[in-house]
Amino acid sequence: MSQRAPRLTPDQAVRILRQFGFVQTRQSGSHKIFRNPAGIRVTIPYHKGKMLHPKMVAAIARDLRISTGELLKLV
């Protein structure tokens, strides 16, 4: 059984992405787009003071190729 995705703020998600070598390439409105050297792209809806939906957090973990449990340890 998989572990539930943690609730993250956009700032926490950005911090985790940077640990994995992602850099912000551009921004479209309230969405920040990140890319790593391998070409994987991750989009974060950036609304200050709000939490990311658990499905969005699970998608970020999937893009990073880690489990939600490992993601929880990085927070």
PDB file of N, CA and C in Angstrom:
ATOM      1  N   MET A   1       0.846  -1.176   0.000  1.00  0.00           N
ATOM      2  CA  MET A   1       0.000   0.000   0.000  1.00  0.00           C
ATOM      3  C   MET A   1       0.889   1.235   0.000  1.00  0.00           C
ATOM      4  N   SER A   2       0.568   2.201  -0.851  1.00  0.00           N
ATOM      5  CA  SER A   2       1.392   3.399  -0.951  1.00  0.00           C
ATOM      6  C   SER A   2       1.030   4.395   0.141  1.00  0.00           C
ATOM      7  N   GLN A   3       2.008   5.206   0.470  1.00  0.00           N
ATOM      8  CA  GLN A   3       1.817   6.212   1.503  1.00  0.00           C
ATOM      9  C   GLN A   3       1.130   7.434   0.910  1.00  0.00           C
ATOM     10  N   ARG A   4       0.326   8.102   1.710  1.00  0.00           N
ATOM     11  CA  ARG A   4      -0.362   9.297   1.233  1.00  0.00           C
ATOM     12  C   ARG A   4       0.631  10.405   0.964  1.00  0.00           C
ATOM     13  N   ALA A   5       0.337  11.217  -0.027  1.00  0.00           N
ATOM     14  CA  ALA A   5       1.203  12.334  -0.377  1.00  0.00           C
ATOM     15  C   ALA A   5       1.121  13.407   0.703  1.00  0.00           C
ATOM     16  N   PRO A   6       2.274  13.977   1.080  1.00  0.00           N
ATOM     17  CA  PRO A   6       2.251  15.039   2.097  1.00  0.00           C
ATOM     18  C   PRO A   6       1.706  16.330   1.509  1.00  0.00           C
ATOM     19  N   ARG A   7       1.230  17.201   2.374  1.00  0.00           N
ATOM     20  CA  ARG A   7       0.795  18.531   1.935  1.00  0.00           C
ATOM     21  C   ARG A   7       2.029  19.428   1.939  1.00  0.00           C
ATOM     22  N   LEU A   8       2.250  20.129   0.834  1.00  0.00           N
ATOM     23  CA  LEU A   8       3.398  21.018   0.703  1.00  0.00           C
ATOM     24  C   LEU A   8       2.952  22.406   0.288  1.00  0.00           C
ATOM     25  N   THR A   9       3.733  23.400   0.669  1.00  0.00           N
ATOM     26  CA  THR A   9       3.535  24.741   0.127  1.00  0.00           C
ATOM     27  C   THR A   9       4.332  24.811  -1.175  1.00  0.00           C
ATOM     28  N   PRO A  10       4.031  25.751  -2.037  1.00  0.00           N
ATOM     29  CA  PRO A  10       4.824  25.900  -3.264  1.00  0.00           C
ATOM     30  C   PRO A  10       6.307  26.140  -2.971  1.00  0.00           C
ATOM     31  N   ASP A  11       6.624  26.892  -1.911  1.00  0.00           N
ATOM     32  CA  ASP A  11       8.022  27.146  -1.559  1.00  0.00           C
ATOM     33  C   ASP A  11       8.762  25.859  -1.198  1.00  0.00           C
ATOM     34  N   GLN A  12       8.100  24.963  -0.462  1.00  0.00           N
ATOM     35  CA  GLN A  12       8.711  23.687  -0.110  1.00  0.00           C
ATOM     36  C   GLN A  12       8.955  22.850  -1.359  1.00  0.00           C
ATOM     37  N   ALA A  13       8.004  22.852  -2.289  1.00  0.00           N
ATOM     38  CA  ALA A  13       8.152  22.090  -3.525  1.00  0.00           C
ATOM     39  C   ALA A  13       9.317  22.621  -4.349  1.00  0.00           C
ATOM     40  N   VAL A  14       9.452  23.934  -4.434  1.00  0.00           N
ATOM     41  CA  VAL A  14      10.552  24.553  -5.182  1.00  0.00           C
ATOM     42  C   VAL A  14      11.889  24.167  -4.553  1.00  0.00           C
ATOM     43  N   ARG A  15      11.952  24.188  -3.233  1.00  0.00           N
ATOM     44  CA  ARG A  15      13.185  23.830  -2.525  1.00  0.00           C
ATOM     45  C   ARG A  15      13.591  22.383  -2.833  1.00  0.00           C
ATOM     46  N   ILE A  16      12.623  21.482  -2.861  1.00  0.00           N
ATOM     47  CA  ILE A  16      12.896  20.076  -3.168  1.00  0.00           C
ATOM     48  C   ILE A  16      13.367  19.925  -4.612  1.00  0.00           C
ATOM     49  N   LEU A  17      12.706  20.627  -5.535  1.00  0.00           N
ATOM     50  CA  LEU A  17      13.108  20.548  -6.934  1.00  0.00           C
ATOM     51  C   LEU A  17      14.548  21.011  -7.119  1.00  0.00           C
ATOM     52  N   ARG A  18      14.919  22.064  -6.432  1.00  0.00           N
ATOM     53  CA  ARG A  18      16.294  22.578  -6.558  1.00  0.00           C
ATOM     54  C   ARG A  18      17.312  21.579  -6.018  1.00  0.00           C
ATOM     55  N   GLN A  19      16.934  20.800  -4.994  1.00  0.00           N
ATOM     56  CA  GLN A  19      17.821  19.757  -4.476  1.00  0.00           C
ATOM     57  C   GLN A  19      18.103  18.699  -5.539  1.00  0.00           C
ATOM     58  N   PHE A  20      17.166  18.506  -6.451  1.00  0.00           N
ATOM     59  CA  PHE A  20      17.305  17.508  -7.504  1.00  0.00           C
ATOM     60  C   PHE A  20      17.869  18.098  -8.800  1.00  0.00           C
ATOM     61  N   GLY A  21      18.362  19.323  -8.749  1.00  0.00           N
ATOM     62  CA  GLY A  21      19.019  19.915  -9.903  1.00  0.00           C
ATOM     63  C   GLY A  21      18.098  20.633 -10.876  1.00  0.00           C
ATOM     64  N   PHE A  22      16.865  20.900 -10.493  1.00  0.00           N
ATOM     65  CA  PHE A  22      15.939  21.624 -11.362  1.00  0.00           C
ATOM     66  C   PHE A  22      16.194  23.119 -11.228  1.00  0.00           C
ATOM     67  N   VAL A  23      16.067  23.827 -12.344  1.00  0.00           N
ATOM     68  CA  VAL A  23      16.171  25.284 -12.340  1.00  0.00           C
ATOM     69  C   VAL A  23      14.926  25.848 -13.009  1.00  0.00           C
ATOM     70  N   GLN A  24      14.518  27.016 -12.553  1.00  0.00           N
ATOM     71  CA  GLN A  24      13.342  27.643 -13.133  1.00  0.00           C
ATOM     72  C   GLN A  24      13.705  28.181 -14.505  1.00  0.00           C
ATOM     73  N   THR A  25      12.973  27.731 -15.528  1.00  0.00           N
ATOM     74  CA  THR A  25      13.266  28.180 -16.883  1.00  0.00           C
ATOM     75  C   THR A  25      12.369  29.331 -17.303  1.00  0.00           C
ATOM     76  N   ARG A  26      11.137  29.333 -16.804  1.00  0.00           N
ATOM     77  CA  ARG A  26      10.241  30.426 -17.145  1.00  0.00           C
ATOM     78  C   ARG A  26       9.056  30.406 -16.190  1.00  0.00           C
ATOM     79  N   GLN A  27       8.181  31.397 -16.365  1.00  0.00           N
ATOM     80  CA  GLN A  27       6.964  31.480 -15.567  1.00  0.00           C
ATOM     81  C   GLN A  27       5.839  31.915 -16.480  1.00  0.00           C
ATOM     82  N   SER A  28       4.702  31.267 -16.348  1.00  0.00           N
ATOM     83  CA  SER A  28       3.521  31.605 -17.130  1.00  0.00           C
ATOM     84  C   SER A  28       2.398  31.920 -16.154  1.00  0.00           C
ATOM     85  N   GLY A  29       2.183  33.184 -15.900  1.00  0.00           N
ATOM     86  CA  GLY A  29       1.179  33.572 -14.910  1.00  0.00           C
ATOM     87  C   GLY A  29       1.628  33.142 -13.528  1.00  0.00           C
ATOM     88  N   SER A  30       0.792  32.355 -12.855  1.00  0.00           N
ATOM     89  CA  SER A  30       1.128  31.905 -11.507  1.00  0.00           C
ATOM     90  C   SER A  30       1.770  30.522 -11.502  1.00  0.00           C
ATOM     91  N   HIS A  31       2.193  30.029 -12.664  1.00  0.00           N
ATOM     92  CA  HIS A  31       2.817  28.712 -12.760  1.00  0.00           C
ATOM     93  C   HIS A  31       4.302  28.860 -13.078  1.00  0.00           C
ATOM     94  N   LYS A  32       5.129  28.266 -12.208  1.00  0.00           N
ATOM     95  CA  LYS A  32       6.574  28.288 -12.421  1.00  0.00           C
ATOM     96  C   LYS A  32       6.969  26.974 -13.077  1.00  0.00           C
ATOM     97  N   ILE A  33       7.735  27.060 -14.160  1.00  0.00           N
ATOM     98  CA  ILE A  33       8.141  25.883 -14.903  1.00  0.00           C
ATOM     99  C   ILE A  33       9.618  25.629 -14.648  1.00  0.00           C
ATOM    100  N   PHE A  34       9.922  24.401 -14.216  1.00  0.00           N
ATOM    101  CA  PHE A  34      11.284  23.996 -13.897  1.00  0.00           C
ATOM    102  C   PHE A  34      11.721  22.897 -14.851  1.00  0.00           C
ATOM    103  N   ARG A  35      13.027  22.842 -15.106  1.00  0.00           N
ATOM    104  CA  ARG A  35      13.585  21.808 -15.975  1.00  0.00           C
ATOM    105  C   ARG A  35      14.929  21.385 -15.395  1.00  0.00           C
ATOM    106  N   ASN A  36      15.242  20.086 -15.540  1.00  0.00           N
ATOM    107  CA  ASN A  36      16.543  19.606 -15.084  1.00  0.00           C
ATOM    108  C   ASN A  36      17.429  19.313 -16.291  1.00  0.00           C
ATOM    109  N   PRO A  37      18.715  19.000 -16.084  1.00  0.00           N
ATOM    110  CA  PRO A  37      19.612  18.753 -17.217  1.00  0.00           C
ATOM    111  C   PRO A  37      19.173  17.606 -18.119  1.00  0.00           C
ATOM    112  N   ALA A  38      18.406  16.651 -17.586  1.00  0.00           N
ATOM    113  CA  ALA A  38      17.928  15.518 -18.387  1.00  0.00           C
ATOM    114  C   ALA A  38      16.729  15.903 -19.261  1.00  0.00           C
ATOM    115  N   GLY A  39      16.191  17.110 -19.045  1.00  0.00           N
ATOM    116  CA  GLY A  39      15.080  17.583 -19.861  1.00  0.00           C
ATOM    117  C   GLY A  39      13.708  17.340 -19.265  1.00  0.00           C
ATOM    118  N   ILE A  40      13.648  16.830 -18.039  1.00  0.00           N
ATOM    119  CA  ILE A  40      12.354  16.599 -17.389  1.00  0.00           C
ATOM    120  C   ILE A  40      11.795  17.940 -16.941  1.00  0.00           C
ATOM    121  N   ARG A  41      10.521  18.182 -17.252  1.00  0.00           N
ATOM    122  CA  ARG A  41       9.877  19.448 -16.925  1.00  0.00           C
ATOM    123  C   ARG A  41       8.846  19.232 -15.830  1.00  0.00           C
ATOM    124  N   VAL A  42       8.816  20.136 -14.851  1.00  0.00           N
ATOM    125  CA  VAL A  42       7.846  20.107 -13.758  1.00  0.00           C
ATOM    126  C   VAL A  42       7.246  21.500 -13.632  1.00  0.00           C
ATOM    127  N   THR A  43       5.930  21.563 -13.548  1.00  0.00           N
ATOM    128  CA  THR A  43       5.232  22.840 -13.386  1.00  0.00           C
ATOM    129  C   THR A  43       4.632  22.903 -11.988  1.00  0.00           C
ATOM    130  N   ILE A  44       4.891  24.006 -11.300  1.00  0.00           N
ATOM    131  CA  ILE A  44       4.368  24.218  -9.949  1.00  0.00           C
ATOM    132  C   ILE A  44       3.399  25.391  -9.977  1.00  0.00           C
ATOM    133  N   PRO A  45       2.125  25.172  -9.595  1.00  0.00           N
ATOM    134  CA  PRO A  45       1.218  26.320  -9.448  1.00  0.00           C
ATOM    135  C   PRO A  45       1.636  27.093  -8.192  1.00  0.00           C
ATOM    136  N   TYR A  46       2.030  28.334  -8.368  1.00  0.00           N
ATOM    137  CA  TYR A  46       2.623  29.106  -7.279  1.00  0.00           C
ATOM    138  C   TYR A  46       1.633  30.144  -6.772  1.00  0.00           C
ATOM    139  N   HIS A  47       0.938  29.789  -5.698  1.00  0.00           N
ATOM    140  CA  HIS A  47       0.001  30.696  -5.035  1.00  0.00           C
ATOM    141  C   HIS A  47       0.463  30.819  -3.591  1.00  0.00           C
ATOM    142  N   LYS A  48       1.088  31.936  -3.272  1.00  0.00           N
ATOM    143  CA  LYS A  48       1.678  32.153  -1.950  1.00  0.00           C
ATOM    144  C   LYS A  48       0.624  31.968  -0.859  1.00  0.00           C
ATOM    145  N   GLY A  49       0.994  31.214   0.176  1.00  0.00           N
ATOM    146  CA  GLY A  49       0.103  31.015   1.314  1.00  0.00           C
ATOM    147  C   GLY A  49      -0.883  29.872   1.148  1.00  0.00           C
ATOM    148  N   LYS A  50      -0.889  29.198   0.002  1.00  0.00           N
ATOM    149  CA  LYS A  50      -1.799  28.073  -0.210  1.00  0.00           C
ATOM    150  C   LYS A  50      -0.995  26.780  -0.271  1.00  0.00           C
ATOM    151  N   MET A  51      -1.675  25.679  -0.028  1.00  0.00           N
ATOM    152  CA  MET A  51      -1.045  24.364  -0.070  1.00  0.00           C
ATOM    153  C   MET A  51      -1.290  23.737  -1.435  1.00  0.00           C
ATOM    154  N   LEU A  52      -0.329  22.938  -1.888  1.00  0.00           N
ATOM    155  CA  LEU A  52      -0.514  22.193  -3.128  1.00  0.00           C
ATOM    156  C   LEU A  52      -1.436  21.007  -2.869  1.00  0.00           C
ATOM    157  N   HIS A  53      -2.240  20.677  -3.833  1.00  0.00           N
ATOM    158  CA  HIS A  53      -3.138  19.534  -3.720  1.00  0.00           C
ATOM    159  C   HIS A  53      -2.309  18.253  -3.637  1.00  0.00           C
ATOM    160  N   PRO A  54      -2.730  17.274  -2.839  1.00  0.00           N
ATOM    161  CA  PRO A  54      -1.967  16.024  -2.725  1.00  0.00           C
ATOM    162  C   PRO A  54      -1.705  15.337  -4.077  1.00  0.00           C
ATOM    163  N   LYS A  55      -2.622  15.468  -5.026  1.00  0.00           N
ATOM    164  CA  LYS A  55      -2.390  14.866  -6.346  1.00  0.00           C
ATOM    165  C   LYS A  55      -1.241  15.567  -7.060  1.00  0.00           C
ATOM    166  N   MET A  56      -1.092  16.863  -6.857  1.00  0.00           N
ATOM    167  CA  MET A  56       0.018  17.609  -7.452  1.00  0.00           C
ATOM    168  C   MET A  56       1.331  17.173  -6.816  1.00  0.00           C
ATOM    169  N   VAL A  57       1.320  16.978  -5.504  1.00  0.00           N
ATOM    170  CA  VAL A  57       2.521  16.534  -4.795  1.00  0.00           C
ATOM    171  C   VAL A  57       2.909  15.130  -5.265  1.00  0.00           C
ATOM    172  N   ALA A  58       1.933  14.258  -5.452  1.00  0.00           N
ATOM    173  CA  ALA A  58       2.208  12.908  -5.950  1.00  0.00           C
ATOM    174  C   ALA A  58       2.782  12.964  -7.364  1.00  0.00           C
ATOM    175  N   ALA A  59       2.302  13.887  -8.183  1.00  0.00           N
ATOM    176  CA  ALA A  59       2.824  14.037  -9.544  1.00  0.00           C
ATOM    177  C   ALA A  59       4.271  14.527  -9.522  1.00  0.00           C
ATOM    178  N   ILE A  60       4.598  15.410  -8.586  1.00  0.00           N
ATOM    179  CA  ILE A  60       5.973  15.891  -8.455  1.00  0.00           C
ATOM    180  C   ILE A  60       6.885  14.729  -8.066  1.00  0.00           C
ATOM    181  N   ALA A  61       6.443  13.908  -7.103  1.00  0.00           N
ATOM    182  CA  ALA A  61       7.231  12.744  -6.688  1.00  0.00           C
ATOM    183  C   ALA A  61       7.430  11.791  -7.860  1.00  0.00           C
ATOM    184  N   ARG A  62       6.398  11.604  -8.656  1.00  0.00           N
ATOM    185  CA  ARG A  62       6.485  10.718  -9.823  1.00  0.00           C
ATOM    186  C   ARG A  62       7.490  11.276 -10.838  1.00  0.00           C
ATOM    187  N   ASP A  63       7.475  12.599 -11.061  1.00  0.00           N
ATOM    188  CA  ASP A  63       8.420  13.228 -11.986  1.00  0.00           C
ATOM    189  C   ASP A  63       9.861  13.121 -11.481  1.00  0.00           C
ATOM    190  N   LEU A  64      10.040  13.172 -10.163  1.00  0.00           N
ATOM    191  CA  LEU A  64      11.370  13.044  -9.575  1.00  0.00           C
ATOM    192  C   LEU A  64      11.805  11.581  -9.483  1.00  0.00           C
ATOM    193  N   ARG A  65      10.885  10.669  -9.771  1.00  0.00           N
ATOM    194  CA  ARG A  65      11.124   9.219  -9.713  1.00  0.00           C
ATOM    195  C   ARG A  65      11.485   8.767  -8.296  1.00  0.00           C
ATOM    196  N   ILE A  66      10.748   9.314  -7.317  1.00  0.00           N
ATOM    197  CA  ILE A  66      10.894   8.890  -5.929  1.00  0.00           C
ATOM    198  C   ILE A  66       9.502   8.606  -5.386  1.00  0.00           C
ATOM    199  N   SER A  67       9.450   7.900  -4.262  1.00  0.00           N
ATOM    200  CA  SER A  67       8.157   7.604  -3.648  1.00  0.00           C
ATOM    201  C   SER A  67       7.705   8.797  -2.807  1.00  0.00           C
ATOM    202  N   THR A  68       6.426   8.797  -2.465  1.00  0.00           N
ATOM    203  CA  THR A  68       5.920   9.882  -1.618  1.00  0.00           C
ATOM    204  C   THR A  68       6.542   9.813  -0.232  1.00  0.00           C
ATOM    205  N   GLY A  69       6.915   8.614   0.203  1.00  0.00           N
ATOM    206  CA  GLY A  69       7.600   8.458   1.494  1.00  0.00           C
ATOM    207  C   GLY A  69       8.953   9.140   1.485  1.00  0.00           C
ATOM    208  N   GLU A  70       9.702   8.972   0.380  1.00  0.00           N
ATOM    209  CA  GLU A  70      11.000   9.635   0.253  1.00  0.00           C
ATOM    210  C   GLU A  70      10.819  11.143   0.172  1.00  0.00           C
ATOM    211  N   LEU A  71       9.773  11.576  -0.503  1.00  0.00           N
ATOM    212  CA  LEU A  71       9.484  13.010  -0.606  1.00  0.00           C
ATOM    213  C   LEU A  71       9.191  13.593   0.765  1.00  0.00           C
ATOM    214  N   LEU A  72       8.477  12.819   1.586  1.00  0.00           N
ATOM    215  CA  LEU A  72       8.142  13.255   2.939  1.00  0.00           C
ATOM    216  C   LEU A  72       9.395  13.464   3.776  1.00  0.00           C
ATOM    217  N   LYS A  73      10.424  12.611   3.570  1.00  0.00           N
ATOM    218  CA  LYS A  73      11.674  12.755   4.319  1.00  0.00           C
ATOM    219  C   LYS A  73      12.429  14.024   3.921  1.00  0.00           C
ATOM    220  N   LEU A  74      12.231  14.503   2.687  1.00  0.00           N
ATOM    221  CA  LEU A  74      12.938  15.691   2.221  1.00  0.00           C
ATOM    222  C   LEU A  74      12.329  16.983   2.754  1.00  0.00           C
ATOM    223  N   VAL A  75      11.105  16.908   3.230  1.00  0.00           N
ATOM    224  CA  VAL A  75      10.409  18.116   3.707  1.00  0.00           C
ATOM    225  C   VAL A  75      10.914  18.477   5.027  1.00  0.00           C
TER     226      VAL A  75
END
